[in-house]
């Protein structure tokens, strides 16, 4: 067995637009979907914790409560932004 320190924190660099899309997927598409029922409690907990971290980071970057129309426009613009992010899998 390895002696990895799984409690060690890491940093992950994402653009704010990328972060918003990741949070939207976690909070509004994955959460409550039948797919979540197929995950173990530990896997669901990891997803929920990531969602919480994304949400806190969005708030720290000035993206918090907005009227629905404004929020939808922010998500749409962020989704457009993500189209230009390099993806190793697609290259």
N, C-alpha and C. Protein backbone atom coordinates (compact mmCIF):
# COMPACT_ATOMS: atom_id res chain seq x y z
N UNK A 1 0.84 -1.19 0.00
CA UNK A 1 0.00 0.00 0.00
C UNK A 1 0.88 1.24 0.00
N UNK A 2 0.46 2.23 -0.72
CA UNK A 2 1.21 3.47 -0.86
C UNK A 2 1.02 4.36 0.36
N UNK A 3 1.98 5.24 0.57
CA UNK A 3 1.91 6.20 1.67
C UNK A 3 1.51 7.58 1.16
N UNK A 4 0.63 7.63 0.17
CA UNK A 4 0.18 8.91 -0.39
C UNK A 4 -0.54 9.73 0.68
N UNK A 5 -0.31 11.04 0.63
CA UNK A 5 -1.00 11.96 1.52
C UNK A 5 -2.21 12.52 0.78
N UNK A 6 -3.34 11.86 0.90
CA UNK A 6 -4.53 12.28 0.17
C UNK A 6 -5.17 13.52 0.78
N UNK A 7 -4.72 13.96 1.93
CA UNK A 7 -5.23 15.18 2.54
C UNK A 7 -4.48 16.42 2.04
N UNK A 8 -3.40 16.21 1.29
CA UNK A 8 -2.63 17.33 0.75
C UNK A 8 -3.49 18.09 -0.26
N UNK A 9 -3.56 19.41 -0.11
CA UNK A 9 -4.35 20.23 -1.03
C UNK A 9 -3.58 20.51 -2.30
N UNK A 10 -4.32 20.65 -3.38
CA UNK A 10 -3.72 20.96 -4.67
C UNK A 10 -4.36 22.24 -5.20
N UNK A 11 -3.76 22.80 -6.20
CA UNK A 11 -4.39 23.95 -6.86
C UNK A 11 -4.67 23.57 -8.30
N UNK A 12 -5.75 24.08 -8.80
CA UNK A 12 -6.20 23.78 -10.15
C UNK A 12 -6.53 25.11 -10.81
N UNK A 13 -5.95 25.37 -11.95
CA UNK A 13 -6.20 26.64 -12.63
C UNK A 13 -7.28 26.46 -13.68
N UNK A 14 -8.35 27.22 -13.53
CA UNK A 14 -9.45 27.26 -14.49
C UNK A 14 -9.80 28.70 -14.75
N UNK A 15 -10.24 28.99 -15.93
CA UNK A 15 -10.78 30.33 -16.17
C UNK A 15 -12.12 30.41 -15.44
N UNK A 16 -12.57 31.61 -15.19
CA UNK A 16 -13.86 31.79 -14.52
C UNK A 16 -14.99 31.21 -15.36
N UNK A 17 -14.90 31.36 -16.66
CA UNK A 17 -15.92 30.79 -17.54
C UNK A 17 -15.96 29.28 -17.46
N UNK A 18 -14.80 28.66 -17.46
CA UNK A 18 -14.71 27.21 -17.34
C UNK A 18 -15.29 26.76 -15.99
N UNK A 19 -14.93 27.47 -14.95
CA UNK A 19 -15.43 27.15 -13.61
C UNK A 19 -16.96 27.24 -13.56
N UNK A 20 -17.52 28.27 -14.17
CA UNK A 20 -18.97 28.43 -14.16
C UNK A 20 -19.65 27.27 -14.88
N UNK A 21 -19.10 26.84 -16.00
CA UNK A 21 -19.70 25.72 -16.73
C UNK A 21 -19.56 24.43 -15.93
N UNK A 22 -18.42 24.20 -15.31
CA UNK A 22 -18.25 23.00 -14.48
C UNK A 22 -19.28 23.01 -13.35
N UNK A 23 -19.41 24.15 -12.67
CA UNK A 23 -20.39 24.24 -11.59
C UNK A 23 -21.81 24.00 -12.11
N UNK A 24 -22.15 24.58 -13.25
CA UNK A 24 -23.49 24.41 -13.81
C UNK A 24 -23.77 22.93 -14.11
N UNK A 25 -22.80 22.24 -14.66
CA UNK A 25 -22.98 20.81 -14.93
C UNK A 25 -23.19 20.05 -13.62
N UNK A 26 -22.35 20.33 -12.63
CA UNK A 26 -22.46 19.62 -11.35
C UNK A 26 -23.78 19.94 -10.65
N UNK A 27 -24.15 21.21 -10.60
CA UNK A 27 -25.30 21.64 -9.82
C UNK A 27 -26.63 21.44 -10.52
N UNK A 28 -26.65 21.62 -11.83
CA UNK A 28 -27.94 21.64 -12.53
C UNK A 28 -28.17 20.49 -13.49
N UNK A 29 -27.13 19.77 -13.82
CA UNK A 29 -27.32 18.66 -14.76
C UNK A 29 -27.04 17.31 -14.10
N UNK A 30 -25.97 17.22 -13.35
CA UNK A 30 -25.61 15.96 -12.72
C UNK A 30 -26.38 15.73 -11.42
N UNK A 31 -26.50 16.76 -10.62
CA UNK A 31 -27.21 16.64 -9.35
C UNK A 31 -28.66 16.24 -9.59
N UNK A 32 -29.09 15.21 -8.93
CA UNK A 32 -30.47 14.76 -9.07
C UNK A 32 -30.72 13.88 -10.28
N UNK A 33 -29.69 13.66 -11.10
CA UNK A 33 -29.89 12.82 -12.28
C UNK A 33 -29.80 11.34 -11.87
N UNK A 34 -30.38 10.46 -12.67
CA UNK A 34 -30.30 9.03 -12.36
C UNK A 34 -28.85 8.53 -12.28
N UNK A 35 -27.94 9.17 -13.00
CA UNK A 35 -26.54 8.77 -12.98
C UNK A 35 -25.99 8.79 -11.55
N UNK A 36 -26.39 9.78 -10.77
CA UNK A 36 -25.90 9.90 -9.39
C UNK A 36 -26.28 8.68 -8.56
N UNK A 37 -27.41 8.04 -8.88
CA UNK A 37 -27.85 6.86 -8.13
C UNK A 37 -26.92 5.68 -8.33
N UNK A 38 -26.16 5.69 -9.41
CA UNK A 38 -25.23 4.59 -9.69
C UNK A 38 -23.88 4.76 -9.01
N UNK A 39 -23.68 5.90 -8.39
CA UNK A 39 -22.41 6.16 -7.71
C UNK A 39 -22.46 5.70 -6.27
N UNK A 40 -21.30 5.38 -5.73
CA UNK A 40 -21.22 5.04 -4.31
C UNK A 40 -21.40 6.31 -3.48
N UNK A 41 -21.65 6.14 -2.21
CA UNK A 41 -21.79 7.29 -1.31
C UNK A 41 -20.53 8.15 -1.32
N UNK A 42 -19.37 7.50 -1.39
CA UNK A 42 -18.10 8.24 -1.41
C UNK A 42 -17.95 9.03 -2.71
N UNK A 43 -18.35 8.44 -3.82
CA UNK A 43 -18.28 9.14 -5.10
C UNK A 43 -19.25 10.32 -5.14
N UNK A 44 -20.45 10.13 -4.62
CA UNK A 44 -21.41 11.24 -4.54
C UNK A 44 -20.87 12.35 -3.66
N UNK A 45 -20.27 11.97 -2.55
CA UNK A 45 -19.69 12.96 -1.64
C UNK A 45 -18.58 13.75 -2.33
N UNK A 46 -17.77 13.09 -3.12
CA UNK A 46 -16.70 13.77 -3.85
C UNK A 46 -17.29 14.78 -4.85
N UNK A 47 -18.37 14.39 -5.53
CA UNK A 47 -19.04 15.29 -6.48
C UNK A 47 -19.63 16.49 -5.75
N UNK A 48 -20.33 16.23 -4.64
CA UNK A 48 -20.94 17.33 -3.87
C UNK A 48 -19.89 18.28 -3.32
N UNK A 49 -18.77 17.74 -2.85
CA UNK A 49 -17.70 18.59 -2.32
C UNK A 49 -17.10 19.44 -3.44
N UNK A 50 -16.94 18.86 -4.63
CA UNK A 50 -16.42 19.63 -5.77
C UNK A 50 -17.40 20.73 -6.15
N UNK A 51 -18.68 20.42 -6.12
CA UNK A 51 -19.70 21.44 -6.41
C UNK A 51 -19.60 22.58 -5.41
N UNK A 52 -19.45 22.26 -4.13
CA UNK A 52 -19.31 23.29 -3.09
C UNK A 52 -18.07 24.15 -3.33
N UNK A 53 -16.96 23.51 -3.66
CA UNK A 53 -15.72 24.25 -3.91
C UNK A 53 -15.88 25.19 -5.11
N UNK A 54 -16.50 24.69 -6.16
CA UNK A 54 -16.73 25.52 -7.35
C UNK A 54 -17.61 26.72 -7.00
N UNK A 55 -18.66 26.46 -6.23
CA UNK A 55 -19.57 27.55 -5.87
C UNK A 55 -18.87 28.61 -5.03
N UNK A 56 -18.06 28.19 -4.08
CA UNK A 56 -17.32 29.16 -3.25
C UNK A 56 -16.36 29.97 -4.10
N UNK A 57 -15.71 29.32 -5.04
CA UNK A 57 -14.76 30.02 -5.91
C UNK A 57 -15.48 31.01 -6.82
N UNK A 58 -16.66 30.65 -7.30
CA UNK A 58 -17.45 31.58 -8.11
C UNK A 58 -17.82 32.81 -7.30
N UNK A 59 -18.28 32.60 -6.07
CA UNK A 59 -18.64 33.72 -5.19
C UNK A 59 -17.41 34.59 -4.94
N UNK A 60 -16.27 33.96 -4.69
CA UNK A 60 -15.04 34.72 -4.45
C UNK A 60 -14.62 35.54 -5.68
N UNK A 61 -15.10 35.13 -6.86
CA UNK A 61 -14.79 35.85 -8.09
C UNK A 61 -15.93 36.74 -8.55
N UNK A 62 -16.87 37.01 -7.64
CA UNK A 62 -17.94 37.96 -7.93
C UNK A 62 -19.13 37.39 -8.67
N UNK A 63 -19.19 36.08 -8.83
CA UNK A 63 -20.33 35.46 -9.52
C UNK A 63 -21.22 34.78 -8.48
N UNK A 64 -22.22 35.50 -8.06
CA UNK A 64 -23.16 34.91 -7.11
C UNK A 64 -24.57 35.20 -7.60
N UNK A 65 -25.48 35.36 -6.70
CA UNK A 65 -26.90 35.50 -7.05
C UNK A 65 -27.14 36.62 -8.06
N UNK A 66 -27.84 36.26 -9.12
CA UNK A 66 -28.28 37.19 -10.17
C UNK A 66 -29.70 36.81 -10.55
N UNK A 67 -30.45 37.75 -11.10
CA UNK A 67 -31.77 37.36 -11.64
C UNK A 67 -31.59 36.24 -12.67
N UNK A 68 -32.60 35.40 -12.81
CA UNK A 68 -32.50 34.22 -13.67
C UNK A 68 -32.05 34.55 -15.09
N UNK A 69 -32.61 35.59 -15.68
CA UNK A 69 -32.25 35.95 -17.06
C UNK A 69 -30.77 36.33 -17.16
N UNK A 70 -30.29 37.07 -16.18
CA UNK A 70 -28.87 37.47 -16.17
C UNK A 70 -28.00 36.23 -15.98
N UNK A 71 -28.39 35.37 -15.05
CA UNK A 71 -27.63 34.15 -14.77
C UNK A 71 -27.56 33.26 -16.02
N UNK A 72 -28.69 33.10 -16.69
CA UNK A 72 -28.72 32.28 -17.90
C UNK A 72 -27.79 32.85 -18.97
N UNK A 73 -27.74 34.16 -19.08
CA UNK A 73 -26.84 34.79 -20.05
C UNK A 73 -25.38 34.57 -19.66
N UNK A 74 -25.07 34.64 -18.37
CA UNK A 74 -23.71 34.37 -17.91
C UNK A 74 -23.30 32.94 -18.25
N UNK A 75 -24.19 31.99 -18.01
CA UNK A 75 -23.89 30.58 -18.31
C UNK A 75 -23.73 30.39 -19.81
N UNK A 76 -24.58 31.04 -20.61
CA UNK A 76 -24.47 30.94 -22.05
C UNK A 76 -23.12 31.48 -22.53
N UNK A 77 -22.73 32.64 -22.01
CA UNK A 77 -21.45 33.25 -22.40
C UNK A 77 -20.28 32.37 -21.95
N UNK A 78 -20.38 31.80 -20.77
CA UNK A 78 -19.32 30.91 -20.28
C UNK A 78 -19.23 29.67 -21.14
N UNK A 79 -20.37 29.15 -21.58
CA UNK A 79 -20.39 27.98 -22.45
C UNK A 79 -19.72 28.30 -23.78
N UNK A 80 -19.95 29.48 -24.31
CA UNK A 80 -19.25 29.91 -25.53
C UNK A 80 -17.75 29.99 -25.29
N UNK A 81 -17.37 30.52 -24.13
CA UNK A 81 -15.95 30.63 -23.78
C UNK A 81 -15.28 29.26 -23.77
N UNK A 82 -15.97 28.26 -23.23
CA UNK A 82 -15.41 26.92 -23.09
C UNK A 82 -15.11 26.29 -24.45
N UNK A 83 -15.81 26.71 -25.47
CA UNK A 83 -15.57 26.17 -26.82
C UNK A 83 -14.14 26.41 -27.29
N UNK A 84 -13.47 27.39 -26.69
CA UNK A 84 -12.11 27.74 -27.09
C UNK A 84 -11.02 27.22 -26.15
N UNK A 85 -11.41 26.44 -25.17
CA UNK A 85 -10.43 25.88 -24.24
C UNK A 85 -9.78 24.66 -24.89
N UNK A 86 -8.45 24.61 -24.91
CA UNK A 86 -7.79 23.43 -25.48
C UNK A 86 -8.16 22.17 -24.68
N UNK A 87 -8.45 21.10 -25.39
CA UNK A 87 -8.79 19.83 -24.77
C UNK A 87 -7.89 18.76 -25.34
N UNK A 88 -7.03 18.21 -24.52
CA UNK A 88 -6.06 17.21 -24.96
C UNK A 88 -6.75 16.00 -25.60
N UNK A 89 -7.87 15.59 -25.03
CA UNK A 89 -8.61 14.44 -25.54
C UNK A 89 -9.04 14.63 -26.99
N UNK A 90 -9.35 15.87 -27.35
CA UNK A 90 -9.85 16.15 -28.71
C UNK A 90 -8.74 16.43 -29.70
N UNK A 91 -7.54 16.70 -29.21
CA UNK A 91 -6.43 17.05 -30.10
C UNK A 91 -5.85 15.84 -30.79
